[in-house]
Amino acid sequence: MQRQQSPNTPETQDPDLDAIEAFRAGAPGAFDLLVSRHQRRVFRLARRLLGDPEAALDAAQEVFVKAWRALPRFEGKARFTTWLTRITINQCRNELRKRGTVKHTRPTSLDEAVPGTEVSRVDTIASLEPEAPDRMAARDLAAAFETVMTSLDPEVREVLILKEVEELSYEGMAEVLDVPTGTVRSRLHRARAEVRRRMAGVLGRSA
C-alpha cells in the first residue's frame, strides 16, 4: 500500500503557517507580513472580477479585514492562499450583487504582462481561440476578448480567471469555489465553449 505523505513535510506544509502561528501568539507585525505577501494577488484578482481599480482596492481592504477577524478560527484544512482567494471571490460577488450591473463591468486589460515574464495575458488566453488569424494584432485580440468577458455571467468569468489567469489546478479551483472537481471541469468546459462561440461572433466569423 502506498504511504501517504505526512502533512508536515516541506513539500506540503503551508508556507504561511509561520506567520499564522505568530499572529495567533500575538506577535506584532505577523498579520502585516501576511498582507505584504498576498495584497498584490488579492488586488489583482479583485480588479479582474470587478473591472474597476478603485472598487478592487476597497474590496481588497475588506478582504483583509475579514481575514483578520476570521483568522483565529482558520482551521488549516486548506492553504491560507486558498482560504484568502475564497474570501476575495465572495467579497467580489457581494460587490457585484450590490451594484446590480454585473454584465456591465469591464475587466482589466489583458495586455498586462504575466508576473515575472514579458508575455501578455492575451497570449495566455489565446488558446481559447486557436483559429484566430495570425495577422490579427494582439491588441485587437485582447479587445475582442474583453468585449466577450463583459457579457459573461460571474460564474463563467470566475472559472476562466482562476484557471487561465491565476493558473490554479482543478483541485485548487474546487477548494476555492467549494464545489467538486468534476463540477469545476464541467464549468470550465462550458465556459471555454461559450468564449469560443462569442469570440467567433466578435471576430466576425460564424460560430
Foldseek 3Di string as FASTA:
>chain_A
DDDDDDCPDPVNDAPLVVLLVCVVVVNPCSLVVVCVVCLVVLLLVLCQQQQDSVVSVVLSVVLSVVCSVCSVVDPPPDHPVLVSLLSSLVSSVVVCVVVVQNLQHFGDFQQDCQPPDNHTLLVLVVVLAVPDDPPDDSNVSRVLLRNLLSRDDSLLSVLCCVCRPVNDDLVSVCSSVVHDSVVSVVSPVVSSVSSNCSSCVSVPHHD
